[in-house]
Amino acid sequence: MNSVGAPDRSELLRVRSLSVRYRSGRARPTEAVRDVDLEIAAGEAIGILGESGSGKSSLALALLGLLPPNGTIAGGSVVFEGRELLGLGDAALDRLRGDRIAMVFQEPGLALSPFLRVGAQIGDVLRAHHPVSAGAARLRVLELLERVRFAEPASVFRAYPHQLSGGERQRVVIAQALICGPALLIADEPTAALDTVTQAALLELFAALGRASEMALLFISHDPRLLARVADRILVVYAGRVVEQGPAAELLAAPAHPYPRQLLRCVPPARRETARRAPLHVIPGAPPALAPPPPGCAFEARCPDRLGRCALDDPAVSTLPGGRSVWCWNPAPTTE
């Protein structure tokens, strides 16, 4: 899915200054997503990287209009295929969700009914959006099950979710998301609950899906190793804000912002012997409360490279070589 050196692609999604707030009683609202900008081109894979609570999932849910009742979009713009999505009614969004935009959630058990066979659940999505017969839907479902690498699609078609493993259920959810041929697939920590072997198989599947079509992918994860395998570009999110963005390989090889540098140090070594000897790095402190957000840089209290102004002034954006950007008063130097 690497777009380096590839020709320009048509813009599919443009997000500008998107902000999300959550209310809890009479307390001040939590500003979970703050002024996020994002673009995705057709066929491009974008990774969103950050710790739990950084605002990654809230960003994804806001794009689809699926925020919980206490969540509201406080401002911004979301333009998909040239159409502004913010302000659309439920009926218009329902026509888009599952058809032009689809989502794979972290826990497949929540996306599948235990009372319906797998094939029926996938086929229902197709028939909700397109006028196809039951027979045509069945053939399309079997084709998709084979595409997501089930050796016996007909057996899986007849199965109930509880008869499948966690990795198999997640592949079913992926097939369900792909059934209408979406232009954009959002995957929110889709491998988090799976073992490493199953994770590797699903990551290869996501990469293969992107190579075979012009479908764009927005892949959300806290693990930079996963994004290195699927993403063309990465946006690093901390306390609801993008702190660095750029091509995946360059950003992960030499992050400019202190937060992704610290985050990469938390990744266990690949070699088992080294992993046993080396203590696991932990970023000191905790993410700040966002009701309201602190002044200055939100990472300042945890940052080993902070300056005096970091606690007072919002970081300005710096443009780096190779199409990278960083929001930091004291970024690490980079070379082209």
Protein backbone atom coordinates (compact mmCIF):
# COMPACT_ATOMS: atom_id res chain seq x y z
CA MET A 1 0.00 0.00 0.00
CA ASN A 2 2.98 2.29 -0.31
CA SER A 3 2.14 5.45 -2.26
CA VAL A 4 5.69 6.79 -2.48
CA GLY A 5 6.47 7.59 -6.09
CA ALA A 6 2.91 6.91 -7.19
CA PRO A 7 0.92 9.44 -9.20
CA ASP A 8 -1.46 11.80 -7.43
CA ARG A 9 -4.77 10.18 -6.54
CA SER A 10 -8.14 11.84 -6.36
CA GLU A 11 -9.09 13.14 -2.94
CA LEU A 12 -11.75 11.01 -1.28
CA LEU A 13 -12.06 12.48 2.22
CA ARG A 14 -11.14 15.93 3.53
CA VAL A 15 -11.49 16.75 7.22
CA ARG A 16 -10.89 20.28 8.46
CA SER A 17 -10.73 21.54 12.08
CA LEU A 18 -12.86 18.65 13.38
CA SER A 19 -13.57 18.89 17.12
CA VAL A 20 -15.54 16.50 19.36
CA ARG A 21 -16.79 17.09 22.90
CA TYR A 22 -18.33 14.79 25.50
CA ARG A 23 -20.61 16.02 28.27
CA SER A 24 -21.04 14.40 31.68
CA GLY A 25 -23.69 15.99 33.87
CA ARG A 26 -22.88 19.55 34.81
CA ALA A 27 -19.12 19.12 34.48
CA ARG A 28 -17.25 21.00 31.80
CA PRO A 29 -17.20 19.08 28.51
CA THR A 30 -14.23 16.91 27.63
CA GLU A 31 -12.59 18.03 24.40
CA ALA A 32 -11.72 14.61 22.99
CA VAL A 33 -10.83 15.68 19.42
CA ARG A 34 -9.39 19.13 18.77
CA ASP A 35 -9.04 20.83 15.39
CA VAL A 36 -7.99 17.72 13.45
CA ASP A 37 -7.19 18.01 9.74
CA LEU A 38 -7.03 14.88 7.59
CA GLU A 39 -7.04 13.97 3.91
CA ILE A 40 -7.33 10.54 2.30
CA ALA A 41 -7.00 9.83 -1.41
CA ALA A 42 -8.57 6.91 -3.22
CA GLY A 43 -6.46 3.80 -2.70
CA GLU A 44 -4.40 5.37 0.10
CA ALA A 45 -3.83 3.84 3.54
CA ILE A 46 -3.65 6.26 6.47
CA GLY A 47 -2.65 5.18 9.98
CA ILE A 48 -3.82 6.92 13.15
CA LEU A 49 -1.36 6.26 16.00
CA GLY A 50 -1.79 7.04 19.69
CA GLU A 51 -2.35 5.70 23.18
CA SER A 52 -5.74 4.64 24.50
CA GLY A 53 -7.77 7.78 25.24
CA SER A 54 -5.95 9.91 22.67
CA GLY A 55 -9.11 10.50 20.63
CA LYS A 56 -8.52 8.00 17.80
CA SER A 57 -11.85 6.17 18.08
CA SER A 58 -13.79 9.39 18.69
CA LEU A 59 -12.37 10.72 15.43
CA ALA A 60 -13.52 7.61 13.54
CA LEU A 61 -17.01 7.66 15.08
CA ALA A 62 -17.39 11.36 14.30
CA LEU A 63 -16.63 10.72 10.62
CA LEU A 64 -19.50 8.23 10.48
CA GLY A 65 -21.94 10.17 12.65
CA LEU A 66 -21.85 7.42 15.29
CA LEU A 67 -20.89 9.36 18.41
CA PRO A 68 -22.70 8.29 21.61
CA PRO A 69 -25.55 10.47 22.90
CA ASN A 70 -23.25 12.53 25.14
CA GLY A 71 -20.87 13.26 22.25
CA THR A 72 -21.23 16.22 19.92
CA ILE A 73 -19.25 17.63 17.02
CA ALA A 74 -18.18 21.06 18.21
CA GLY A 75 -16.95 22.31 14.87
CA GLY A 76 -15.25 21.53 11.61
CA SER A 77 -15.99 20.01 8.23
CA VAL A 78 -16.06 16.43 6.87
CA VAL A 79 -16.28 16.27 3.07
CA PHE A 80 -16.57 12.79 1.55
CA GLU A 81 -16.71 12.35 -2.23
CA GLY A 82 -17.37 16.08 -2.52
CA ARG A 83 -20.28 16.05 -0.07
CA GLU A 84 -20.35 17.65 3.37
CA LEU A 85 -21.34 14.97 5.92
CA LEU A 86 -21.77 17.15 8.99
CA GLY A 87 -25.40 18.11 9.26
CA LEU A 88 -26.71 15.25 7.14
CA GLY A 89 -29.80 13.54 8.51
CA ASP A 90 -29.85 9.95 9.75
CA ALA A 91 -31.46 8.65 6.56
CA ALA A 92 -28.74 10.11 4.34
CA LEU A 93 -25.99 8.83 6.63
CA ASP A 94 -27.57 5.37 6.71
CA ARG A 95 -27.32 5.25 2.92
CA LEU A 96 -23.59 5.97 3.14
CA ARG A 97 -22.70 3.77 6.13
CA GLY A 98 -22.08 0.20 5.09
CA ASP A 99 -22.16 1.15 1.40
CA ARG A 100 -19.64 3.91 0.54
CA ILE A 101 -18.02 4.00 4.00
CA ALA A 102 -17.66 0.88 6.14
CA MET A 103 -16.12 0.23 9.54
CA VAL A 104 -14.44 -2.75 11.21
CA PHE A 105 -14.63 -2.50 15.00
CA GLN A 106 -12.18 -3.84 17.56
CA GLU A 107 -14.52 -6.49 18.99
CA PRO A 108 -16.23 -8.61 16.31
CA GLY A 109 -18.59 -10.09 18.91
CA LEU A 110 -20.32 -6.71 19.18
CA ALA A 111 -20.77 -6.44 15.40
CA LEU A 112 -22.38 -9.86 14.89
CA SER A 113 -25.71 -11.17 16.16
CA PRO A 114 -25.40 -14.53 17.94
CA PHE A 115 -28.85 -15.54 16.66
CA LEU A 116 -28.23 -15.32 12.89
CA ARG A 117 -26.02 -17.36 10.62
CA VAL A 118 -22.94 -15.61 9.28
CA GLY A 119 -24.02 -15.68 5.64
CA ALA A 120 -27.37 -14.08 6.39
CA GLN A 121 -25.75 -11.26 8.37
CA ILE A 122 -23.35 -10.38 5.56
CA GLY A 123 -26.04 -10.69 2.89
CA ASP A 124 -28.41 -8.44 4.81
CA VAL A 125 -25.94 -5.55 4.50
CA LEU A 126 -25.80 -5.95 0.72
CA ARG A 127 -29.58 -6.20 0.33
CA ALA A 128 -30.13 -3.15 2.57
CA HIS A 129 -28.23 -0.99 0.07
CA HIS A 130 -28.70 -2.70 -3.29
CA PRO A 131 -31.69 -4.40 -4.99
CA VAL A 132 -30.31 -7.91 -5.39
CA SER A 133 -32.02 -11.27 -5.07
CA ALA A 134 -31.33 -13.68 -2.23
CA GLY A 135 -29.52 -15.98 -4.64
CA ALA A 136 -27.29 -13.21 -6.00
CA ALA A 137 -26.54 -12.05 -2.46
CA ARG A 138 -25.55 -15.59 -1.47
CA LEU A 139 -23.10 -15.87 -4.37
CA ARG A 140 -21.58 -12.49 -3.50
CA VAL A 141 -21.20 -13.49 0.16
CA LEU A 142 -19.49 -16.77 -0.74
CA GLU A 143 -17.13 -14.86 -3.04
CA LEU A 144 -16.27 -12.44 -0.22
CA LEU A 145 -15.71 -15.24 2.30
CA GLU A 146 -13.23 -16.80 -0.09
CA ARG A 147 -11.58 -13.42 -0.65
CA VAL A 148 -10.98 -13.02 3.09
CA ARG A 149 -9.32 -16.42 3.01
CA PHE A 150 -11.77 -18.94 4.31
CA ALA A 151 -10.87 -22.36 2.91
CA GLU A 152 -14.50 -23.55 3.17
CA PRO A 153 -16.76 -20.53 2.48
CA ALA A 154 -19.96 -22.59 2.35
CA SER A 155 -19.32 -23.98 5.83
CA VAL A 156 -18.67 -20.51 7.24
CA PHE A 157 -21.77 -19.19 5.46
CA ARG A 158 -23.93 -21.64 7.44
CA ALA A 159 -22.12 -21.15 10.78
CA TYR A 160 -23.19 -19.09 13.77
CA PRO A 161 -20.62 -16.63 15.16
CA HIS A 162 -19.99 -18.70 18.32
CA GLN A 163 -18.83 -21.59 16.13
CA LEU A 164 -15.91 -19.51 14.81
CA SER A 165 -12.65 -18.42 16.43
CA GLY A 166 -11.92 -14.77 17.22
CA GLY A 167 -9.79 -14.37 14.10
CA GLU A 168 -12.45 -16.01 11.96
CA ARG A 169 -15.15 -13.72 13.36
CA GLN A 170 -13.00 -10.71 12.57
CA ARG A 171 -12.62 -11.90 8.97
CA VAL A 172 -16.39 -12.26 8.80
CA VAL A 173 -16.75 -8.65 9.97
CA ILE A 174 -14.25 -7.59 7.30
CA ALA A 175 -16.30 -9.43 4.66
CA GLN A 176 -19.42 -7.70 5.99
CA ALA A 177 -17.67 -4.34 5.63
CA LEU A 178 -16.53 -5.11 2.08
CA ILE A 179 -19.79 -6.57 0.75
CA CYS A 180 -20.94 -3.32 -0.90
CA GLY A 181 -17.50 -2.36 -2.24
CA PRO A 182 -16.93 0.74 -0.05
CA ALA A 183 -14.70 3.58 -1.17
CA LEU A 184 -13.39 3.98 2.40
CA LEU A 185 -12.83 1.31 5.05
CA ILE A 186 -12.21 2.42 8.65
CA ALA A 187 -10.55 -0.21 10.86
CA ASP A 188 -10.50 0.67 14.57
CA GLU A 189 -7.91 -1.48 16.38
CA PRO A 190 -9.14 -4.51 14.39
CA THR A 191 -6.40 -6.86 15.63
CA ALA A 192 -6.11 -5.72 19.27
CA ALA A 193 -7.83 -8.79 20.79
CA LEU A 194 -6.06 -11.35 18.59
CA ASP A 195 -2.89 -13.42 18.96
CA THR A 196 0.22 -12.40 17.01
CA VAL A 197 -0.14 -15.09 14.34
CA THR A 198 -3.74 -14.09 13.60
CA GLN A 199 -2.73 -10.41 13.71
CA ALA A 200 -0.08 -11.02 11.05
CA ALA A 201 -2.57 -12.82 8.80
CA LEU A 202 -5.13 -10.01 9.08
CA LEU A 203 -2.53 -7.31 8.42
CA GLU A 204 -1.47 -9.12 5.26
CA LEU A 205 -5.14 -9.34 4.29
CA PHE A 206 -5.64 -5.58 4.75
CA ALA A 207 -2.53 -4.89 2.65
CA ALA A 208 -3.74 -7.26 -0.08
CA LEU A 209 -7.19 -5.63 -0.15
CA GLY A 210 -5.60 -2.26 -0.76
CA ARG A 211 -3.40 -3.57 -3.56
CA ALA A 212 -6.37 -5.15 -5.31
CA SER A 213 -8.61 -2.07 -5.38
CA GLU A 214 -8.80 1.70 -5.08
CA MET A 215 -10.45 1.41 -1.67
CA ALA A 216 -8.95 3.80 0.88
CA LEU A 217 -8.10 2.57 4.37
CA LEU A 218 -8.08 4.45 7.68
CA PHE A 219 -6.34 2.11 10.13
CA ILE A 220 -6.37 3.04 13.83
CA SER A 221 -3.87 1.50 16.25
CA HIS A 222 -1.78 2.11 19.36
CA ASP A 223 0.98 -0.14 17.93
CA PRO A 224 3.42 1.46 15.47
CA ARG A 225 4.57 -1.99 14.30
CA LEU A 226 1.12 -2.70 12.87
CA LEU A 227 0.90 0.63 11.07
CA ALA A 228 4.36 0.09 9.57
CA ARG A 229 2.89 -2.87 7.68
CA VAL A 230 -0.25 -1.27 6.26
CA ALA A 231 0.00 2.54 6.21
CA ASP A 232 1.30 4.91 3.55
CA ARG A 233 1.06 7.90 5.90
CA ILE A 234 0.65 8.18 9.66
CA LEU A 235 -0.98 10.82 11.84
CA VAL A 236 0.16 10.71 15.47
CA VAL A 237 -2.58 11.84 17.85
CA TYR A 238 -2.10 12.93 21.45
CA ALA A 239 -4.76 14.40 23.75
CA GLY A 240 -7.11 14.83 20.80
CA ARG A 241 -4.67 16.66 18.55
CA VAL A 242 -2.42 15.67 15.67
CA VAL A 243 1.18 16.24 16.84
CA GLU A 244 3.03 14.84 13.82
CA GLN A 245 2.14 13.51 10.37
CA GLY A 246 4.04 12.23 7.38
CA PRO A 247 5.04 9.21 5.30
CA ALA A 248 4.97 6.09 7.48
CA ALA A 249 8.49 4.85 6.87
CA GLU A 250 10.16 8.20 7.50
CA LEU A 251 8.06 9.10 10.54
CA LEU A 252 8.60 5.74 12.26
CA ALA A 253 12.32 5.70 11.45
CA ALA A 254 12.97 9.14 12.96
CA PRO A 255 10.03 10.87 14.68
CA ALA A 256 10.47 14.61 15.19
CA HIS A 257 7.94 15.02 18.02
CA PRO A 258 8.92 13.75 21.50
CA TYR A 259 5.65 11.82 21.90
CA PRO A 260 6.09 9.33 19.03
CA ARG A 261 9.76 9.02 19.99
CA GLN A 262 8.70 7.97 23.47
CA LEU A 263 5.93 5.76 22.08
CA LEU A 264 8.38 3.86 19.89
CA ARG A 265 10.58 3.20 22.91
CA CYS A 266 7.63 1.36 24.50
CA VAL A 267 7.62 -1.26 21.74
CA PRO A 268 9.20 -4.51 23.04
CA PRO A 269 12.32 -5.68 21.17
CA ALA A 270 11.68 -8.17 18.37
CA ARG A 271 14.30 -10.65 19.62
CA ARG A 272 13.02 -12.77 22.49
CA GLU A 273 16.35 -12.92 24.34
CA THR A 274 16.68 -9.12 24.28
CA ALA A 275 13.06 -8.72 25.37
CA ARG A 276 13.69 -10.86 28.45
CA ARG A 277 16.69 -8.76 29.49
CA ALA A 278 15.46 -5.26 28.72
CA PRO A 279 12.92 -3.54 31.01
CA LEU A 280 9.85 -2.27 29.21
CA HIS A 281 9.95 1.49 28.73
CA VAL A 282 7.00 3.44 30.12
CA ILE A 283 6.23 7.06 29.30
CA PRO A 284 6.23 8.86 32.66
CA GLY A 285 3.08 10.54 33.91
CA ALA A 286 -0.35 10.30 32.36
CA PRO A 287 -2.27 12.06 29.59
CA PRO A 288 -3.85 15.32 30.75
CA ALA A 289 -7.49 15.84 31.59
CA LEU A 290 -9.26 17.51 28.69
CA ALA A 291 -12.10 19.19 30.58
CA PRO A 292 -10.71 21.69 29.78
CA PRO A 293 -7.36 20.95 28.04
CA PRO A 294 -4.26 22.46 29.64
CA PRO A 295 -2.66 25.56 28.13
CA GLY A 296 0.34 25.11 25.88
CA CYS A 297 1.45 21.70 24.68
CA ALA A 298 -0.59 18.82 26.14
CA PHE A 299 2.51 16.59 26.23
CA GLU A 300 4.61 19.15 28.14
CA ALA A 301 4.34 17.51 31.59
CA ARG A 302 5.61 14.16 30.23
CA CYS A 303 8.16 15.51 27.76
CA PRO A 304 11.93 15.11 28.37
CA ASP A 305 12.67 17.88 25.83
CA ARG A 306 10.26 20.55 27.05
CA LEU A 307 11.13 24.23 27.00
CA GLY A 308 9.77 27.03 29.15
CA ARG A 309 7.27 28.19 26.55
CA CYS A 310 5.82 24.67 26.09
CA ALA A 311 3.58 25.07 29.16
CA LEU A 312 2.22 28.40 27.96
CA ASP A 313 1.92 28.54 24.17
CA ASP A 314 0.17 26.20 21.74
CA PRO A 315 2.86 24.65 19.51
CA ALA A 316 3.15 26.08 16.01
CA VAL A 317 3.38 23.72 13.04
CA SER A 318 6.76 23.19 11.41
CA THR A 319 7.07 21.79 7.88
CA LEU A 320 9.77 19.15 7.59
CA PRO A 321 11.44 17.60 4.55
CA GLY A 322 9.56 14.86 2.73
CA GLY A 323 6.03 16.16 3.28
CA ARG A 324 6.12 15.87 7.08
CA SER A 325 4.69 18.26 9.67
CA VAL A 326 5.23 18.50 13.43
CA TRP A 327 3.48 20.57 16.11
CA CYS A 328 6.31 21.13 18.62
CA TRP A 329 8.49 23.95 19.97
CA ASN A 330 11.55 21.69 20.22
CA PRO A 331 11.38 18.97 17.55
CA ALA A 332 14.25 16.63 16.83
CA PRO A 333 16.26 17.57 13.74
CA THR A 334 15.55 15.53 10.61
CA THR A 335 17.34 15.09 7.31
CA GLU A 336 16.00 14.55 3.82
